PDB file of N, CA and C in Angstrom:
ATOM      1  N   MET A   1      -1.920  17.054   4.838  1.00  0.00           N
ATOM      2  CA  MET A   1      -1.355  15.727   4.005  1.00  0.00           C
ATOM      3  C   MET A   1      -1.318  16.957   2.855  1.00  0.00           C
ATOM      4  N   THR A   2      -0.692  16.812   1.597  1.00  0.00           N
ATOM      5  CA  THR A   2      -0.346  16.538   0.592  1.00  0.00           C
ATOM      6  C   THR A   2      -1.228  15.399  -0.278  1.00  0.00           C
ATOM      7  N   LYS A   3      -1.373  15.492  -1.847  1.00  0.00           N
ATOM      8  CA  LYS A   3      -2.523  13.736  -1.913  1.00  0.00           C
ATOM      9  C   LYS A   3      -0.982  13.054  -2.360  1.00  0.00           C
ATOM     10  N   ALA A   4       0.355  13.727  -2.852  1.00  0.00           N
ATOM     11  CA  ALA A   4       1.355  13.043  -2.717  1.00  0.00           C
ATOM     12  C   ALA A   4       2.000  12.296  -1.503  1.00  0.00           C
ATOM     13  N   LYS A   5       1.931  12.653  -0.289  1.00  0.00           N
ATOM     14  CA  LYS A   5       2.136  11.954   1.357  1.00  0.00           C
ATOM     15  C   LYS A   5       0.674  11.140   1.115  1.00  0.00           C
ATOM     16  N   GLU A   6       0.052  11.260   0.647  1.00  0.00           N
ATOM     17  CA  GLU A   6      -1.243  10.327   0.745  1.00  0.00           C
ATOM     18  C   GLU A   6      -1.333   9.163   0.012  1.00  0.00           C
ATOM     19  N   LEU A   7      -0.872   9.813  -1.012  1.00  0.00           N
ATOM     20  CA  LEU A   7      -0.521   8.561  -1.645  1.00  0.00           C
ATOM     21  C   LEU A   7       0.435   7.920  -1.618  1.00  0.00           C
ATOM     22  N   GLN A   8       1.416   7.859  -0.814  1.00  0.00           N
ATOM     23  CA  GLN A   8       2.502   7.514  -0.714  1.00  0.00           C
ATOM     24  C   GLN A   8       2.671   6.228   0.384  1.00  0.00           C
ATOM     25  N   ALA A   9       1.699   6.999   1.842  1.00  0.00           N
ATOM     26  CA  ALA A   9       1.152   6.633   2.587  1.00  0.00           C
ATOM     27  C   ALA A   9       0.077   5.090   2.420  1.00  0.00           C
ATOM     28  N   LEU A  10      -0.853   5.155   1.565  1.00  0.00           N
ATOM     29  CA  LEU A  10      -1.313   4.590   1.055  1.00  0.00           C
ATOM     30  C   LEU A  10      -1.089   3.249  -0.035  1.00  0.00           C
ATOM     31  N   ILE A  11       0.594   3.277   0.031  1.00  0.00           N
ATOM     32  CA  ILE A  11       0.873   2.556  -1.352  1.00  0.00           C
ATOM     33  C   ILE A  11       1.429   2.059   0.166  1.00  0.00           C
ATOM     34  N   GLU A  12       2.615   2.534   0.963  1.00  0.00           N
ATOM     35  CA  GLU A  12       3.556   1.914   1.882  1.00  0.00           C
ATOM     36  C   GLU A  12       2.964   0.980   3.151  1.00  0.00           C
ATOM     37  N   ASP A  13       1.566   1.762   3.551  1.00  0.00           N
ATOM     38  CA  ASP A  13       1.493   1.168   4.736  1.00  0.00           C
ATOM     39  C   ASP A  13       0.575  -0.123   4.282  1.00  0.00           C
ATOM     40  N   GLU A  14      -0.524  -0.076   3.237  1.00  0.00           N
ATOM     41  CA  GLU A  14      -1.923  -0.513   3.271  1.00  0.00           C
ATOM     42  C   GLU A  14      -1.626  -1.698   1.619  1.00  0.00           C
ATOM     43  N   VAL A  15      -1.566  -0.810   0.804  1.00  0.00           N
ATOM     44  CA  VAL A  15      -1.284  -1.709  -0.741  1.00  0.00           C
ATOM     45  C   VAL A  15      -0.278  -2.767  -0.727  1.00  0.00           C
ATOM     46  N   ILE A  16       1.202  -2.031  -0.589  1.00  0.00           N
ATOM     47  CA  ILE A  16       1.899  -2.882  -0.258  1.00  0.00           C
ATOM     48  C   ILE A  16       1.971  -4.478  -0.011  1.00  0.00           C
ATOM     49  N   PRO A  17       1.664  -3.850   1.474  1.00  0.00           N
ATOM     50  CA  PRO A  17       1.790  -5.647   2.828  1.00  0.00           C
ATOM     51  C   PRO A  17       0.603  -6.519   1.727  1.00  0.00           C
ATOM     52  N   GLU A  18      -0.246  -5.403   1.857  1.00  0.00           N
ATOM     53  CA  GLU A  18      -1.313  -6.782   1.077  1.00  0.00           C
ATOM     54  C   GLU A  18      -0.668  -7.359   0.167  1.00  0.00           C
ATOM     55  N   ILE A  19      -0.057  -7.017  -0.657  1.00  0.00           N
ATOM     56  CA  ILE A  19      -0.051  -7.559  -1.995  1.00  0.00           C
ATOM     57  C   ILE A  19       1.406  -8.461  -1.568  1.00  0.00           C
ATOM     58  N   GLU A  20       2.129  -8.167  -0.743  1.00  0.00           N
ATOM     59  CA  GLU A  20       3.398  -8.990  -0.556  1.00  0.00           C
ATOM     60  C   GLU A  20       2.607 -10.482   0.069  1.00  0.00           C
ATOM     61  N   GLU A  21       2.205  -9.866   1.584  1.00  0.00           N
ATOM     62  CA  GLU A  21       0.831 -11.024   1.896  1.00  0.00           C
ATOM     63  C   GLU A  21       0.381 -11.935   0.754  1.00  0.00           C
ATOM     64  N   SER A  22       0.018 -11.551  -0.311  1.00  0.00           N
ATOM     65  CA  SER A  22      -0.906 -12.690  -1.192  1.00  0.00           C
ATOM     66  C   SER A  22       0.674 -13.140  -2.206  1.00  0.00           C
ATOM     67  N   ILE A  23       1.319 -12.122  -2.595  1.00  0.00           N
ATOM     68  CA  ILE A  23       2.048 -13.023  -3.127  1.00  0.00           C
ATOM     69  C   ILE A  23       3.031 -13.971  -2.179  1.00  0.00           C
ATOM     70  N   ASP A  24       3.277 -13.891  -0.833  1.00  0.00           N
ATOM     71  CA  ASP A  24       3.500 -15.209  -0.069  1.00  0.00           C
ATOM     72  C   ASP A  24       2.573 -16.154  -0.127  1.00  0.00           C
ATOM     73  N   TYR A  25       1.051 -15.800   0.394  1.00  0.00           N
ATOM     74  CA  TYR A  25       0.314 -17.359   0.200  1.00  0.00           C
ATOM     75  C   TYR A  25       0.912 -17.977  -1.388  1.00  0.00           C
ATOM     76  N   LEU A  26       0.687 -17.059  -2.317  1.00  0.00           N
ATOM     77  CA  LEU A  26       0.898 -17.981  -3.533  1.00  0.00           C
ATOM     78  C   LEU A  26       1.844 -18.821  -3.793  1.00  0.00           C
ATOM     79  N   PHE A  27       3.430 -18.051  -3.085  1.00  0.00           N
ATOM     80  CA  PHE A  27       4.686 -19.092  -3.536  1.00  0.00           C
ATOM     81  C   PHE A  27       4.392 -20.203  -2.210  1.00  0.00           C
ATOM     82  N   GLU A  28       3.524 -20.248  -0.857  1.00  0.00           N
ATOM     83  CA  GLU A  28       3.325 -21.816  -0.272  1.00  0.00           C
ATOM     84  C   GLU A  28       2.635 -22.452  -1.165  1.00  0.00           C
ATOM     85  N   LEU A  29       1.395 -22.135  -1.666  1.00  0.00           N
ATOM     86  CA  LEU A  29       0.758 -22.485  -2.784  1.00  0.00           C
ATOM     87  C   LEU A  29       1.948 -23.915  -3.573  1.00  0.00           C
ATOM     88  N   VAL A  30       2.233 -22.969  -4.537  1.00  0.00           N
ATOM     89  CA  VAL A  30       3.497 -22.981  -5.736  1.00  0.00           C
ATOM     90  C   VAL A  30       4.712 -24.367  -5.424  1.00  0.00           C
ATOM     91  N   ASP A  31       5.950 -24.551  -3.465  1.00  0.00           N
ATOM     92  CA  ASP A  31       6.113 -24.224  -2.649  1.00  0.00           C
ATOM     93  C   ASP A  31       5.165 -25.719  -2.424  1.00  0.00           C
ATOM     94  N   ALA A  32       4.690 -25.680  -2.191  1.00  0.00           N
ATOM     95  CA  ALA A  32       3.968 -27.111  -1.304  1.00  0.00           C
ATOM     96  C   ALA A  32       3.444 -27.765  -2.572  1.00  0.00           C
ATOM     97  N   LYS A  33       3.775 -27.543  -4.122  1.00  0.00           N
ATOM     98  CA  LYS A  33       2.847 -28.147  -5.245  1.00  0.00           C
ATOM     99  C   LYS A  33       1.447 -28.136  -5.534  1.00  0.00           C
ATOM    100  N   LYS A  34       0.462 -27.503  -4.866  1.00  0.00           N
ATOM    101  CA  LYS A  34      -0.165 -27.385  -4.590  1.00  0.00           C
ATOM    102  C   LYS A  34      -0.771 -26.027  -5.669  1.00  0.00           C
ATOM    103  N   ALA A  35      -0.431 -24.982  -6.428  1.00  0.00           N
ATOM    104  CA  ALA A  35      -0.586 -24.617  -7.053  1.00  0.00           C
ATOM    105  C   ALA A  35      -1.337 -24.652  -8.533  1.00  0.00           C
ATOM    106  N   THR A  36      -2.293 -24.152  -8.959  1.00  0.00           N
ATOM    107  CA  THR A  36      -3.291 -24.730 -10.254  1.00  0.00           C
ATOM    108  C   THR A  36      -2.654 -23.813 -11.275  1.00  0.00           C
ATOM    109  N   ALA A  37      -2.343 -23.509 -12.290  1.00  0.00           N
ATOM    110  CA  ALA A  37      -1.601 -23.040 -13.681  1.00  0.00           C
ATOM    111  C   ALA A  37      -2.645 -21.366 -13.524  1.00  0.00           C
ATOM    112  N   GLU A  38      -3.786 -21.406 -12.465  1.00  0.00           N
ATOM    113  CA  GLU A  38      -3.971 -19.899 -12.480  1.00  0.00           C
ATOM    114  C   GLU A  38      -3.486 -19.586 -11.403  1.00  0.00           C
ATOM    115  N   ASP A  39      -2.850 -20.105  -9.896  1.00  0.00           N
ATOM    116  CA  ASP A  39      -2.726 -19.336  -9.420  1.00  0.00           C
ATOM    117  C   ASP A  39      -0.823 -18.841 -10.367  1.00  0.00           C
ATOM    118  N   LYS A  40      -0.382 -19.697 -10.196  1.00  0.00           N
ATOM    119  CA  LYS A  40       0.932 -19.816 -11.257  1.00  0.00           C
ATOM    120  C   LYS A  40       1.082 -18.263 -11.908  1.00  0.00           C
ATOM    121  N   GLU A  41      -0.804 -18.233 -12.825  1.00  0.00           N
ATOM    122  CA  GLU A  41      -0.463 -16.964 -13.224  1.00  0.00           C
ATOM    123  C   GLU A  41      -1.034 -15.341 -12.450  1.00  0.00           C
ATOM    124  N   GLU A  42      -1.625 -15.743 -11.826  1.00  0.00           N
ATOM    125  CA  GLU A  42      -1.485 -14.972 -10.356  1.00  0.00           C
ATOM    126  C   GLU A  42      -1.153 -14.339  -9.820  1.00  0.00           C
ATOM    127  N   LEU A  43       0.479 -15.220  -9.490  1.00  0.00           N
ATOM    128  CA  LEU A  43       1.602 -15.005  -8.987  1.00  0.00           C
ATOM    129  C   LEU A  43       1.928 -14.131  -9.948  1.00  0.00           C
ATOM    130  N   LYS A  44       2.213 -14.168 -10.518  1.00  0.00           N
ATOM    131  CA  LYS A  44       3.146 -13.458 -12.361  1.00  0.00           C
ATOM    132  C   LYS A  44       2.407 -11.876 -11.929  1.00  0.00           C
ATOM    133  N   GLU A  45       1.178 -11.969 -12.113  1.00  0.00           N
ATOM    134  CA  GLU A  45       0.141 -10.724 -12.191  1.00  0.00           C
ATOM    135  C   GLU A  45       0.052  -9.923 -11.083  1.00  0.00           C
ATOM    136  N   THR A  46       0.367 -10.535  -9.949  1.00  0.00           N
ATOM    137  CA  THR A  46       0.960 -10.030  -8.694  1.00  0.00           C
ATOM    138  C   THR A  46       2.525  -9.092  -8.249  1.00  0.00           C
ATOM    139  N   GLN A  47       2.866 -10.136  -8.573  1.00  0.00           N
ATOM    140  CA  GLN A  47       4.358  -9.365  -9.199  1.00  0.00           C
ATOM    141  C   GLN A  47       4.408  -8.517  -9.543  1.00  0.00           C
ATOM    142  N   ASP A  48       3.530  -8.420 -10.638  1.00  0.00           N
ATOM    143  CA  ASP A  48       4.316  -7.057 -11.837  1.00  0.00           C
ATOM    144  C   ASP A  48       3.688  -6.103 -10.923  1.00  0.00           C
ATOM    145  N   LEU A  49       2.142  -6.043 -10.256  1.00  0.00           N
ATOM    146  CA  LEU A  49       1.612  -5.333  -9.753  1.00  0.00           C
ATOM    147  C   LEU A  49       2.087  -4.673  -8.366  1.00  0.00           C
ATOM    148  N   LEU A  50       2.766  -5.139  -7.885  1.00  0.00           N
ATOM    149  CA  LEU A  50       4.090  -5.018  -6.526  1.00  0.00           C
ATOM    150  C   LEU A  50       5.160  -4.116  -7.928  1.00  0.00           C
ATOM    151  N   LYS A  51       5.801  -3.973  -8.702  1.00  0.00           N
ATOM    152  CA  LYS A  51       6.310  -3.488  -9.173  1.00  0.00           C
ATOM    153  C   LYS A  51       5.696  -1.690  -9.811  1.00  0.00           C
ATOM    154  N   ALA A  52       5.044  -2.000 -10.030  1.00  0.00           N
ATOM    155  CA  ALA A  52       3.867  -1.245 -10.940  1.00  0.00           C
ATOM    156  C   ALA A  52       4.067  -0.512  -9.629  1.00  0.00           C
ATOM    157  N   PHE A  53       3.237  -0.683  -8.512  1.00  0.00           N
ATOM    158  CA  PHE A  53       2.979  -0.172  -7.262  1.00  0.00           C
ATOM    159  C   PHE A  53       4.460   0.422  -6.219  1.00  0.00           C
ATOM    160  N   ARG A  54       5.586   0.123  -6.926  1.00  0.00           N
ATOM    161  CA  ARG A  54       7.350   0.186  -6.183  1.00  0.00           C
ATOM    162  C   ARG A  54       7.297   0.985  -7.270  1.00  0.00           C
ATOM    163  N   GLN A  55       7.295   1.388  -8.599  1.00  0.00           N
ATOM    164  CA  GLN A  55       7.236   1.665  -9.314  1.00  0.00           C
ATOM    165  C   GLN A  55       7.015   3.442  -9.046  1.00  0.00           C
ATOM    166  N   ILE A  56       5.355   3.360  -8.659  1.00  0.00           N
ATOM    167  CA  ILE A  56       4.795   4.793  -8.765  1.00  0.00           C
ATOM    168  C   ILE A  56       5.393   5.298  -7.353  1.00  0.00           C
ATOM    169  N   LEU A  57       5.807   4.523  -6.008  1.00  0.00           N
ATOM    170  CA  LEU A  57       6.600   4.868  -4.816  1.00  0.00           C
ATOM    171  C   LEU A  57       7.548   6.309  -6.145  1.00  0.00           C
ATOM    172  N   ALA A  58       8.281   5.400  -7.168  1.00  0.00           N
ATOM    173  CA  ALA A  58      10.005   5.823  -6.847  1.00  0.00           C
ATOM    174  C   ALA A  58      10.042   7.128  -7.348  1.00  0.00           C
ATOM    175  N   ASP A  59       8.565   7.901  -8.103  1.00  0.00           N
ATOM    176  CA  ASP A  59       8.101   8.964  -9.571  1.00  0.00           C
ATOM    177  C   ASP A  59       7.635   9.665  -8.456  1.00  0.00           C
ATOM    178  N   LEU A  60       6.059   9.470  -7.188  1.00  0.00           N
ATOM    179  CA  LEU A  60       6.152  10.237  -6.089  1.00  0.00           C
ATOM    180  C   LEU A  60       8.281  11.085  -5.778  1.00  0.00           C
ATOM    181  N   GLU A  61       9.066   9.714  -5.648  1.00  0.00           N
ATOM    182  CA  GLU A  61      10.201  10.276  -4.857  1.00  0.00           C
ATOM    183  C   GLU A  61      11.061  11.388  -5.751  1.00  0.00           C
ATOM    184  N   ASN A  62      10.528  10.907  -6.653  1.00  0.00           N
ATOM    185  CA  ASN A  62      11.290  12.194  -7.630  1.00  0.00           C
ATOM    186  C   ASN A  62      10.357  13.183  -8.543  1.00  0.00           C
ATOM    187  N   ASN A  63       9.094  13.306  -8.102  1.00  0.00           N
ATOM    188  CA  ASN A  63       7.911  14.795  -8.054  1.00  0.00           C
ATOM    189  C   ASN A  63       7.772  13.998 -10.036  1.00  0.00           C
ATOM    190  N   GLU A  64       7.095  13.592  -9.997  1.00  0.00           N
ATOM    191  CA  GLU A  64       7.416  13.085 -11.302  1.00  0.00           C
ATOM    192  C   GLU A  64       5.213  12.900 -11.554  1.00  0.00           C
ATOM    193  N   ILE A  65       4.608  12.352 -10.183  1.00  0.00           N
ATOM    194  CA  ILE A  65       3.365  12.753 -10.369  1.00  0.00           C
ATOM    195  C   ILE A  65       2.813  13.948  -9.816  1.00  0.00           C
ATOM    196  N   ASP A  66       1.931  14.728 -10.698  1.00  0.00           N
ATOM    197  CA  ASP A  66       0.832  15.892  -9.854  1.00  0.00           C
ATOM    198  C   ASP A  66       0.191  15.471  -8.808  1.00  0.00           C
ATOM    199  N   GLU A  67      -0.209  16.539  -8.239  1.00  0.00           N
ATOM    200  CA  GLU A  67      -1.288  16.130  -7.785  1.00  0.00           C
ATOM    201  C   GLU A  67      -2.321  15.584  -7.832  1.00  0.00           C
ATOM    202  N   GLU A  68      -3.076  15.974  -9.144  1.00  0.00           N
ATOM    203  CA  GLU A  68      -4.550  15.306 -10.000  1.00  0.00           C
ATOM    204  C   GLU A  68      -3.808  14.346  -9.357  1.00  0.00           C
ATOM    205  N   GLU A  69      -2.751  13.621 -10.008  1.00  0.00           N
ATOM    206  CA  GLU A  69      -2.343  12.631 -10.543  1.00  0.00           C
ATOM    207  C   GLU A  69      -2.771  11.576  -9.177  1.00  0.00           C
ATOM    208  N   CYS A  70      -2.036  12.271  -8.167  1.00  0.00           N
ATOM    209  CA  CYS A  70      -2.304  11.211  -7.199  1.00  0.00           C
ATOM    210  C   CYS A  70      -3.442  11.029  -6.690  1.00  0.00           C
ATOM    211  N   THR A  71      -4.066  12.301  -6.614  1.00  0.00           N
ATOM    212  CA  THR A  71      -5.588  12.467  -6.158  1.00  0.00           C
ATOM    213  C   THR A  71      -6.286  11.099  -7.756  1.00  0.00           C
ATOM    214  N   GLU A  72      -5.982  10.801  -8.151  1.00  0.00           N
ATOM    215  CA  GLU A  72      -6.943   9.762  -9.413  1.00  0.00           C
ATOM    216  C   GLU A  72      -6.097   8.680  -8.559  1.00  0.00           C
ATOM    217  N   LEU A  73      -4.814   8.778  -8.777  1.00  0.00           N
ATOM    218  CA  LEU A  73      -4.841   6.953  -7.832  1.00  0.00           C
ATOM    219  C   LEU A  73      -5.258   7.156  -7.046  1.00  0.00           C
ATOM    220  N   ILE A  74      -5.411   7.542  -5.950  1.00  0.00           N
ATOM    221  CA  ILE A  74      -6.024   7.030  -4.980  1.00  0.00           C
ATOM    222  C   ILE A  74      -7.378   6.097  -5.037  1.00  0.00           C
ATOM    223  N   GLU A  75      -7.840   7.093  -6.009  1.00  0.00           N
ATOM    224  CA  GLU A  75      -9.480   6.939  -6.451  1.00  0.00           C
ATOM    225  C   GLU A  75      -9.224   5.239  -6.744  1.00  0.00           C
ATOM    226  N   GLU A  76      -8.417   5.116  -7.678  1.00  0.00           N
ATOM    227  CA  GLU A  76      -7.847   3.785  -8.315  1.00  0.00           C
ATOM    228  C   GLU A  76      -7.829   2.522  -8.017  1.00  0.00           C
ATOM    229  N   ILE A  77      -6.994   3.721  -6.311  1.00  0.00           N
ATOM    230  CA  ILE A  77      -6.669   1.868  -5.407  1.00  0.00           C
ATOM    231  C   ILE A  77      -8.077   1.887  -4.653  1.00  0.00           C
ATOM    232  N   ASN A  78      -8.866   2.900  -4.546  1.00  0.00           N
ATOM    233  CA  ASN A  78      -9.355   2.593  -3.542  1.00  0.00           C
ATOM    234  C   ASN A  78     -10.759   1.487  -4.196  1.00  0.00           C
ATOM    235  N   GLU A  79     -11.189   1.929  -5.288  1.00  0.00           N
ATOM    236  CA  GLU A  79     -11.804   1.677  -6.193  1.00  0.00           C
ATOM    237  C   GLU A  79     -11.673  -0.331  -6.462  1.00  0.00           C
ATOM    238  N   MET A  80     -10.217  -0.621  -6.672  1.00  0.00           N
ATOM    239  CA  MET A  80     -10.090  -1.927  -7.191  1.00  0.00           C
ATOM    240  C   MET A  80      -9.964  -2.434  -4.865  1.00  0.00           C
ATOM    241  N   ARG A  81      -9.354  -1.692  -4.566  1.00  0.00           N
ATOM    242  CA  ARG A  81      -9.585  -2.406  -2.702  1.00  0.00           C
ATOM    243  C   ARG A  81     -10.687  -2.621  -2.504  1.00  0.00           C
ATOM    244  N   ASN A  82     -11.837  -1.259  -2.899  1.00  0.00           N
ATOM    245  CA  ASN A  82     -13.148  -2.347  -2.271  1.00  0.00           C
ATOM    246  C   ASN A  82     -13.665  -3.506  -3.733  1.00  0.00           C
ATOM    247  N   TYR A  83     -13.371  -3.090  -4.870  1.00  0.00           N
ATOM    248  CA  TYR A  83     -14.130  -4.307  -5.829  1.00  0.00           C
ATOM    249  C   TYR A  83     -13.444  -5.498  -5.045  1.00  0.00           C
ATOM    250  N   GLU A  84     -11.889  -5.635  -4.727  1.00  0.00           N
ATOM    251  CA  GLU A  84     -11.631  -7.081  -4.104  1.00  0.00           C
ATOM    252  C   GLU A  84     -12.274  -7.416  -3.310  1.00  0.00           C
ATOM    253  N   ASP A  85     -12.838  -6.851  -2.006  1.00  0.00           N
ATOM    254  CA  ASP A  85     -13.297  -6.789  -0.338  1.00  0.00           C
ATOM    255  C   ASP A  85     -14.992  -7.303  -1.121  1.00  0.00           C
ATOM    256  N   GLU A  86     -15.695  -6.943  -2.008  1.00  0.00           N
ATOM    257  CA  GLU A  86     -16.889  -7.499  -2.498  1.00  0.00           C
ATOM    258  C   GLU A  86     -16.306  -9.080  -2.871  1.00  0.00           C
ATOM    259  N   GLU A  87     -16.249  -8.884  -3.929  1.00  0.00           N
ATOM    260  CA  GLU A  87     -15.434 -10.002  -4.458  1.00  0.00           C
ATOM    261  C   GLU A  87     -15.045 -10.976  -3.182  1.00  0.00           C
ATOM    262  N   GLU A  88     -14.220 -11.115  -2.143  1.00  0.00           N
ATOM    263  CA  GLU A  88     -14.554 -11.403  -0.802  1.00  0.00           C
ATOM    264  C   GLU A  88     -15.496 -12.101  -0.551  1.00  0.00           C
ATOM    265  N   GLU A  89     -16.800 -10.788  -0.172  1.00  0.00           N
ATOM    266  CA  GLU A  89     -18.030 -11.907   0.353  1.00  0.00           C
ATOM    267  C   GLU A  89     -19.121 -11.811   0.125  1.00  0.00           C
ATOM    268  N   LEU A  90     -18.550 -12.594  -1.760  1.00  0.00           N
ATOM    269  CA  LEU A  90     -19.459 -12.937  -2.560  1.00  0.00           C
ATOM    270  C   LEU A  90     -18.842 -14.944  -2.798  1.00  0.00           C
TER     271      LEU A  90
END
């Protein structure tokens, strides 16, 4: 599997579903009028993150990201996800 395909699978199968789940949760807080200002800011940031990952997918489809960049992005995504896992454990 090429790094581009690996990156695409990671984003489509894991990252985007996790982001969408977070967005759904934050929207539930907003709808229930239980959202804090921090929650609303997190919602905006999470929506921006989703847009960024969708742009990466578009760039992959257009072959605008080389294998080296794909490797770097995979590493960054894994670091980000590991950091979030560590934060949840605290």
